[in-house]
Amino acid sequence: MKLLPALLVLLTLALPCLASEPLSGAEFERYVTGKTLYFGLEGSSYGVEEYLPDRQVRWSFLDGQCKDGFWYEDQRMICFVYDDEPEAQCWSFYREGTGLRAVFENDPANTVLYEARQDDKPMMCLGPEVGV
C-alpha cells in the first residue's frame, strides 16, 4: 500500500510537464536571441544554431557546414526556413529545467531535441568548398 501514495506523488509531479504550453514567438525570441544553442538527440550531439537579431539564424549539423535562414511563429510553433530548403520546418519549444526541449512537428515520429548547452560565441562555419 505504500507504493500507491508514492506513485500518486510521482504522477502529480509529472503532470505540469505534460500540460506545459509551447513557448510563444515572443518568449522564444527573448530566450534565444544572441545565443548559440547546441542540441542533442537521445544522448548524442545533433546540431548547433546561432540566433541572430531580427529572427535570423545559422544552423549546422556540427560538420562546419552552415546554412542561414530565419524563423517565424505559426500557431505556437516556431518555423524555420533556410536558404537551401524553402519548406518550413516547424518545432514546438518548451522550457524544461535549465534548457529547451524541441519537438519537430513536421515529422510523424516527432523527433525530440534537447538543449545540451549554450554559448554566446558564434559557431564555427567553414568557408565555401574550393575545387580544382
C-alpha atoms as a PDB file:
ATOM      1  CA  MET A   1       0.000   0.000   0.000  1.00  0.00           C
ATOM      2  CA  LYS A   2       2.945   2.371   0.491  1.00  0.00           C
ATOM      3  CA  LEU A   3       3.610   2.125  -3.254  1.00  0.00           C
ATOM      4  CA  LEU A   4       0.288   3.774  -4.174  1.00  0.00           C
ATOM      5  CA  PRO A   5       0.930   7.111  -2.374  1.00  0.00           C
ATOM      6  CA  ALA A   6       4.446   7.279  -3.865  1.00  0.00           C
ATOM      7  CA  LEU A   7       3.045   6.616  -7.338  1.00  0.00           C
ATOM      8  CA  LEU A   8       0.425   9.349  -6.890  1.00  0.00           C
ATOM      9  CA  VAL A   9       3.122  11.834  -5.854  1.00  0.00           C
ATOM     10  CA  LEU A  10       5.201  10.966  -8.945  1.00  0.00           C
ATOM     11  CA  LEU A  11       2.192  11.350 -11.242  1.00  0.00           C
ATOM     12  CA  THR A  12       1.307  14.697  -9.679  1.00  0.00           C
ATOM     13  CA  LEU A  13       4.864  15.954 -10.231  1.00  0.00           C
ATOM     14  CA  ALA A  14       4.833  14.789 -13.865  1.00  0.00           C
ATOM     15  CA  LEU A  15       1.526  16.460 -14.787  1.00  0.00           C
ATOM     16  CA  PRO A  16       2.879  20.033 -15.070  1.00  0.00           C
ATOM     17  CA  CYS A  17       5.460  18.794 -17.620  1.00  0.00           C
ATOM     18  CA  LEU A  18       2.819  17.049 -19.660  1.00  0.00           C
ATOM     19  CA  ALA A  19       0.491  20.039 -19.572  1.00  0.00           C
ATOM     20  CA  SER A  20       3.092  22.694 -20.326  1.00  0.00           C
ATOM     21  CA  GLU A  21       2.396  25.030 -23.217  1.00  0.00           C
ATOM     22  CA  PRO A  22       4.894  25.582 -26.016  1.00  0.00           C
ATOM     23  CA  LEU A  23       6.748  28.890 -25.989  1.00  0.00           C
ATOM     24  CA  SER A  24       5.203  31.752 -27.919  1.00  0.00           C
ATOM     25  CA  GLY A  25       7.266  33.532 -30.552  1.00  0.00           C
ATOM     26  CA  ALA A  26       7.983  36.396 -28.140  1.00  0.00           C
ATOM     27  CA  GLU A  27       9.056  34.012 -25.348  1.00  0.00           C
ATOM     28  CA  PHE A  28      11.252  32.041 -27.747  1.00  0.00           C
ATOM     29  CA  GLU A  29      12.817  35.243 -29.098  1.00  0.00           C
ATOM     30  CA  ARG A  30      13.630  36.506 -25.575  1.00  0.00           C
ATOM     31  CA  TYR A  31      15.265  33.187 -24.690  1.00  0.00           C
ATOM     32  CA  VAL A  32      17.380  32.597 -27.814  1.00  0.00           C
ATOM     33  CA  THR A  33      18.424  35.949 -29.316  1.00  0.00           C
ATOM     34  CA  GLY A  34      22.179  36.454 -29.089  1.00  0.00           C
ATOM     35  CA  LYS A  35      22.839  32.841 -28.075  1.00  0.00           C
ATOM     36  CA  THR A  36      24.344  29.822 -29.760  1.00  0.00           C
ATOM     37  CA  LEU A  37      22.497  26.670 -28.670  1.00  0.00           C
ATOM     38  CA  TYR A  38      23.812  23.134 -29.023  1.00  0.00           C
ATOM     39  CA  PHE A  39      21.177  20.407 -29.334  1.00  0.00           C
ATOM     40  CA  GLY A  40      21.293  16.709 -28.554  1.00  0.00           C
ATOM     41  CA  LEU A  41      19.194  13.744 -29.660  1.00  0.00           C
ATOM     42  CA  GLU A  42      18.948  10.630 -27.497  1.00  0.00           C
ATOM     43  CA  GLY A  43      22.215  11.398 -25.709  1.00  0.00           C
ATOM     44  CA  SER A  44      24.222  12.247 -28.848  1.00  0.00           C
ATOM     45  CA  SER A  45      25.251  15.594 -30.302  1.00  0.00           C
ATOM     46  CA  TYR A  46      22.864  16.650 -33.059  1.00  0.00           C
ATOM     47  CA  GLY A  47      23.474  20.247 -34.164  1.00  0.00           C
ATOM     48  CA  VAL A  48      24.037  23.868 -33.279  1.00  0.00           C
ATOM     49  CA  GLU A  49      22.080  27.016 -34.065  1.00  0.00           C
ATOM     50  CA  GLU A  50      23.101  30.629 -33.692  1.00  0.00           C
ATOM     51  CA  TYR A  51      20.205  33.030 -33.050  1.00  0.00           C
ATOM     52  CA  LEU A  52      20.909  36.422 -34.580  1.00  0.00           C
ATOM     53  CA  PRO A  53      18.951  39.706 -34.402  1.00  0.00           C
ATOM     54  CA  ASP A  54      15.736  40.107 -36.402  1.00  0.00           C
ATOM     55  CA  ARG A  55      14.899  36.394 -36.123  1.00  0.00           C
ATOM     56  CA  GLN A  56      17.805  35.380 -38.364  1.00  0.00           C
ATOM     57  CA  VAL A  57      19.506  32.017 -37.688  1.00  0.00           C
ATOM     58  CA  ARG A  58      22.510  29.965 -38.729  1.00  0.00           C
ATOM     59  CA  TRP A  59      22.349  26.131 -38.412  1.00  0.00           C
ATOM     60  CA  SER A  60      24.966  23.374 -38.623  1.00  0.00           C
ATOM     61  CA  PHE A  61      24.944  19.624 -38.010  1.00  0.00           C
ATOM     62  CA  LEU A  62      28.331  20.190 -36.271  1.00  0.00           C
ATOM     63  CA  ASP A  63      30.207  19.482 -39.503  1.00  0.00           C
ATOM     64  CA  GLY A  64      31.337  23.069 -40.154  1.00  0.00           C
ATOM     65  CA  GLN A  65      28.806  23.432 -42.987  1.00  0.00           C
ATOM     66  CA  CYS A  66      26.376  26.200 -42.088  1.00  0.00           C
ATOM     67  CA  LYS A  67      23.123  27.341 -43.581  1.00  0.00           C
ATOM     68  CA  ASP A  68      21.454  30.667 -42.986  1.00  0.00           C
ATOM     69  CA  GLY A  69      17.758  31.222 -42.503  1.00  0.00           C
ATOM     70  CA  PHE A  70      15.087  32.862 -40.417  1.00  0.00           C
ATOM     71  CA  TRP A  71      12.291  31.824 -38.083  1.00  0.00           C
ATOM     72  CA  TYR A  72       8.690  32.898 -37.509  1.00  0.00           C
ATOM     73  CA  GLU A  73       5.810  31.878 -35.253  1.00  0.00           C
ATOM     74  CA  ASP A  74       2.839  29.938 -36.639  1.00  0.00           C
ATOM     75  CA  GLN A  75       0.142  28.668 -34.235  1.00  0.00           C
ATOM     76  CA  ARG A  76       2.542  28.441 -31.232  1.00  0.00           C
ATOM     77  CA  MET A  77       5.115  26.638 -33.370  1.00  0.00           C
ATOM     78  CA  ILE A  78       8.487  28.115 -34.299  1.00  0.00           C
ATOM     79  CA  CYS A  79       9.067  27.568 -38.019  1.00  0.00           C
ATOM     80  CA  PHE A  80      12.468  27.801 -39.689  1.00  0.00           C
ATOM     81  CA  VAL A  81      13.172  28.457 -43.367  1.00  0.00           C
ATOM     82  CA  TYR A  82      16.742  28.026 -44.621  1.00  0.00           C
ATOM     83  CA  ASP A  83      18.365  29.313 -47.812  1.00  0.00           C
ATOM     84  CA  ASP A  84      18.741  25.790 -49.228  1.00  0.00           C
ATOM     85  CA  GLU A  85      15.317  24.493 -48.104  1.00  0.00           C
ATOM     86  CA  PRO A  86      12.230  26.588 -48.913  1.00  0.00           C
ATOM     87  CA  GLU A  87       9.818  24.340 -46.972  1.00  0.00           C
ATOM     88  CA  ALA A  88       9.323  25.488 -43.371  1.00  0.00           C
ATOM     89  CA  GLN A  89      10.472  23.178 -40.593  1.00  0.00           C
ATOM     90  CA  CYS A  90       8.193  23.736 -37.602  1.00  0.00           C
ATOM     91  CA  TRP A  91       9.001  22.901 -33.993  1.00  0.00           C
ATOM     92  CA  SER A  92       7.270  23.305 -30.639  1.00  0.00           C
ATOM     93  CA  PHE A  93       9.701  24.551 -27.983  1.00  0.00           C
ATOM     94  CA  TYR A  94       9.243  24.009 -24.244  1.00  0.00           C
ATOM     95  CA  ARG A  95      11.247  25.366 -21.288  1.00  0.00           C
ATOM     96  CA  GLU A  96      12.362  22.448 -19.162  1.00  0.00           C
ATOM     97  CA  GLY A  97      14.799  22.620 -16.293  1.00  0.00           C
ATOM     98  CA  THR A  98      17.762  24.652 -17.468  1.00  0.00           C
ATOM     99  CA  GLY A  99      17.102  24.456 -21.203  1.00  0.00           C
ATOM    100  CA  LEU A 100      14.760  23.810 -24.090  1.00  0.00           C
ATOM    101  CA  ARG A 101      13.023  20.729 -25.427  1.00  0.00           C
ATOM    102  CA  ALA A 102      12.120  20.922 -29.128  1.00  0.00           C
ATOM    103  CA  VAL A 103       9.537  18.669 -30.822  1.00  0.00           C
ATOM    104  CA  PHE A 104       9.690  18.506 -34.625  1.00  0.00           C
ATOM    105  CA  GLU A 105       6.085  18.920 -35.764  1.00  0.00           C
ATOM    106  CA  ASN A 106       6.713  18.073 -39.472  1.00  0.00           C
ATOM    107  CA  ASP A 107       7.844  14.578 -38.512  1.00  0.00           C
ATOM    108  CA  PRO A 108       5.233  11.869 -37.830  1.00  0.00           C
ATOM    109  CA  ALA A 109       7.714  10.275 -35.393  1.00  0.00           C
ATOM    110  CA  ASN A 110       8.073  13.669 -33.605  1.00  0.00           C
ATOM    111  CA  THR A 111      11.841  13.928 -33.313  1.00  0.00           C
ATOM    112  CA  VAL A 112      12.682  15.453 -29.924  1.00  0.00           C
ATOM    113  CA  LEU A 113      15.840  17.502 -29.383  1.00  0.00           C
ATOM    114  CA  TYR A 114      17.177  18.794 -26.083  1.00  0.00           C
ATOM    115  CA  GLU A 115      19.328  21.840 -25.444  1.00  0.00           C
ATOM    116  CA  ALA A 116      22.673  20.368 -24.431  1.00  0.00           C
ATOM    117  CA  ARG A 117      24.479  23.645 -23.797  1.00  0.00           C
ATOM    118  CA  GLN A 118      24.593  27.284 -24.824  1.00  0.00           C
ATOM    119  CA  ASP A 119      27.289  29.747 -25.682  1.00  0.00           C
ATOM    120  CA  ASP A 120      27.493  33.438 -26.516  1.00  0.00           C
ATOM    121  CA  LYS A 121      30.251  32.879 -29.099  1.00  0.00           C
ATOM    122  CA  PRO A 122      29.482  32.484 -32.810  1.00  0.00           C
ATOM    123  CA  MET A 123      29.560  28.932 -34.135  1.00  0.00           C
ATOM    124  CA  MET A 124      32.264  27.597 -36.439  1.00  0.00           C
ATOM    125  CA  CYS A 125      31.437  27.747 -40.133  1.00  0.00           C
ATOM    126  CA  LEU A 126      33.920  26.702 -42.794  1.00  0.00           C
ATOM    127  CA  GLY A 127      34.286  28.780 -45.946  1.00  0.00           C
ATOM    128  CA  PRO A 128      32.928  27.713 -49.326  1.00  0.00           C
ATOM    129  CA  GLU A 129      34.311  24.480 -50.725  1.00  0.00           C
ATOM    130  CA  VAL A 130      37.093  25.008 -53.218  1.00  0.00           C
ATOM    131  CA  GLY A 131      37.641  22.605 -56.087  1.00  0.00           C
ATOM    132  CA  VAL A 132      40.358  22.009 -58.635  1.00  0.00           C
END
